[in-house]
Amino acid sequence: MKAIVVTDQAAGTAGMMGILCGGGKRHGTVPQIGDRITDKSAPPDEGGVRDWIGPQAFVHWVKLRSWIDASYPGVFAPEWLYGGKNRGWSLRYKKTKAFCTILPEYRRLSIVVVVGERNARNLRSDAMSGAHS
């Protein structure tokens, strides 16, 4: 499993508490970098995601989603999943097996990419050979 984190720390925190956040902790607290969207009443919409992750990370959100749609037309149907009050909402791309999951976090964006065992071995081998050269 590989995670990529895009951070947007330039954007401010004003106005971002009530609707999207319990801060990942207590409802109404000031969100911290990396907090998840935890309001389980409805999945976030694009505007809510943009406000939560920030404009710089949102550029990557849009580019990644567009790339997936263009590279795999009609293959994946993105699905919002609610992982509970600690994990919050995530957007999963899956056909029969998961391809990737995008995690909108406060002022950053994380992507979990699922790789098969053979590819994982290759990644480990590449990492090891790079570490010794």
Protein backbone atom coordinates (compact mmCIF):
# COMPACT_ATOMS: atom_id res chain seq x y z
CA MET A 1 0.00 0.00 0.00
CA LYS A 2 1.34 3.44 -0.93
CA ALA A 3 0.07 6.76 0.38
CA ILE A 4 0.63 10.17 -1.16
CA VAL A 5 -0.10 13.28 0.87
CA VAL A 6 -0.72 16.71 -0.67
CA THR A 7 -0.87 19.50 1.88
CA ASP A 8 -2.45 22.94 1.62
CA GLN A 9 -1.37 24.76 4.74
CA ALA A 10 -1.65 28.24 3.21
CA ALA A 11 -5.45 28.25 3.47
CA GLY A 12 -7.01 29.46 6.71
CA THR A 13 -9.29 27.68 9.15
CA ALA A 14 -12.07 30.27 9.39
CA GLY A 15 -15.56 28.97 8.81
CA MET A 16 -14.62 25.32 8.44
CA MET A 17 -15.88 23.90 11.71
CA GLY A 18 -19.57 23.12 11.96
CA ILE A 19 -20.85 21.36 8.85
CA LEU A 20 -17.98 19.14 7.77
CA CYS A 21 -16.12 18.55 10.94
CA GLY A 22 -16.20 17.26 14.34
CA GLY A 23 -12.50 17.96 14.00
CA GLY A 24 -12.28 14.21 13.88
CA LYS A 25 -12.72 14.53 17.64
CA ARG A 26 -15.37 16.77 19.26
CA HIS A 27 -18.01 18.53 17.16
CA GLY A 28 -17.30 22.23 16.87
CA THR A 29 -13.58 22.10 17.68
CA VAL A 30 -11.09 23.88 15.46
CA PRO A 31 -9.94 21.33 12.89
CA GLN A 32 -6.31 20.24 12.82
CA ILE A 33 -4.23 19.41 9.75
CA GLY A 34 -5.16 15.87 8.70
CA ASP A 35 -8.59 15.74 10.38
CA ARG A 36 -11.18 13.86 8.37
CA ILE A 37 -14.68 14.89 7.34
CA THR A 38 -16.73 13.20 10.04
CA ASP A 39 -20.30 14.46 9.61
CA LYS A 40 -22.06 11.21 8.71
CA SER A 41 -25.37 12.81 7.66
CA ALA A 42 -24.34 12.91 3.97
CA PRO A 43 -21.24 12.40 1.84
CA PRO A 44 -19.39 15.64 1.07
CA ASP A 45 -19.98 17.36 -2.25
CA GLU A 46 -17.24 18.89 -4.43
CA GLY A 47 -17.58 22.31 -2.79
CA GLY A 48 -17.34 20.81 0.67
CA VAL A 49 -14.24 18.83 -0.30
CA ARG A 50 -12.62 21.96 -1.79
CA ASP A 51 -13.32 24.00 1.33
CA TRP A 52 -12.01 21.21 3.58
CA ILE A 53 -8.80 20.23 1.80
CA GLY A 54 -7.99 23.72 0.52
CA PRO A 55 -7.57 25.11 -3.00
CA GLN A 56 -4.06 23.76 -3.67
CA ALA A 57 -4.89 20.19 -2.66
CA PHE A 58 -8.22 20.46 -4.51
CA VAL A 59 -6.31 21.01 -7.78
CA HIS A 60 -4.75 17.57 -7.21
CA TRP A 61 -8.17 16.12 -6.25
CA VAL A 62 -9.62 17.25 -9.60
CA LYS A 63 -6.58 16.17 -11.63
CA LEU A 64 -6.50 12.71 -10.04
CA ARG A 65 -10.21 12.12 -10.54
CA SER A 66 -9.99 13.36 -14.15
CA TRP A 67 -6.98 11.14 -14.82
CA ILE A 68 -8.79 8.07 -13.46
CA ASP A 69 -11.87 8.84 -15.57
CA ALA A 70 -9.77 9.38 -18.73
CA SER A 71 -7.44 6.43 -18.16
CA TYR A 72 -10.16 3.96 -17.16
CA PRO A 73 -13.33 5.15 -18.92
CA GLY A 74 -16.40 3.42 -17.53
CA VAL A 75 -14.36 1.03 -15.36
CA PHE A 76 -14.73 2.54 -11.91
CA ALA A 77 -17.72 4.01 -10.16
CA PRO A 78 -16.44 6.17 -7.31
CA GLU A 79 -18.21 5.42 -4.05
CA TRP A 80 -18.25 7.48 -0.87
CA LEU A 81 -17.64 5.35 2.23
CA TYR A 82 -18.15 6.43 5.81
CA GLY A 83 -15.56 4.81 8.10
CA GLY A 84 -16.91 6.02 11.43
CA LYS A 85 -16.21 9.02 13.62
CA ASN A 86 -12.43 8.51 13.58
CA ARG A 87 -11.93 7.72 9.89
CA GLY A 88 -14.70 9.84 8.37
CA TRP A 89 -15.46 9.91 4.65
CA SER A 90 -13.31 8.50 1.85
CA LEU A 91 -13.88 8.14 -1.89
CA ARG A 92 -13.13 4.64 -3.17
CA TYR A 93 -12.58 3.61 -6.79
CA LYS A 94 -13.36 -0.06 -7.20
CA LYS A 95 -14.53 -2.52 -9.80
CA THR A 96 -14.26 -5.99 -8.30
CA LYS A 97 -11.19 -5.07 -6.27
CA ALA A 98 -10.23 -1.69 -4.88
CA PHE A 99 -8.03 0.45 -7.15
CA CYS A 100 -7.50 3.44 -4.88
CA THR A 101 -9.11 5.39 -2.09
CA ILE A 102 -8.92 9.16 -1.81
CA LEU A 103 -9.03 10.60 1.70
CA PRO A 104 -10.01 14.27 1.95
CA GLU A 105 -8.27 15.51 5.09
CA TYR A 106 -8.22 18.99 6.54
CA ARG A 107 -5.82 21.00 4.38
CA ARG A 108 -4.37 17.91 2.74
CA LEU A 109 -5.23 14.98 0.56
CA SER A 110 -4.10 11.37 0.96
CA ILE A 111 -4.39 8.65 -1.66
CA VAL A 112 -4.13 4.96 -0.86
CA VAL A 113 -3.20 2.92 -3.94
CA VAL A 114 -3.79 -0.80 -3.80
CA VAL A 115 -1.13 -2.93 -5.49
CA GLY A 116 -1.06 -6.68 -5.97
CA GLU A 117 1.50 -8.94 -4.29
CA ARG A 118 3.76 -9.19 -7.38
CA ASN A 119 3.79 -5.41 -7.80
CA ALA A 120 4.42 -4.98 -4.08
CA ARG A 121 7.45 -7.29 -4.34
CA ASN A 122 8.73 -5.25 -7.30
CA LEU A 123 8.27 -2.00 -5.36
CA ARG A 124 10.14 -3.43 -2.37
CA SER A 125 12.91 -4.71 -4.64
CA ASP A 126 13.22 -1.32 -6.37
CA ALA A 127 13.30 0.46 -3.02
CA MET A 128 16.00 -1.85 -1.71
CA SER A 129 18.21 -1.52 -4.80
CA GLY A 130 17.84 2.27 -4.68
CA ALA A 131 18.77 2.34 -1.01
CA HIS A 132 22.10 0.59 -1.67
CA SER A 133 23.24 2.52 -4.74
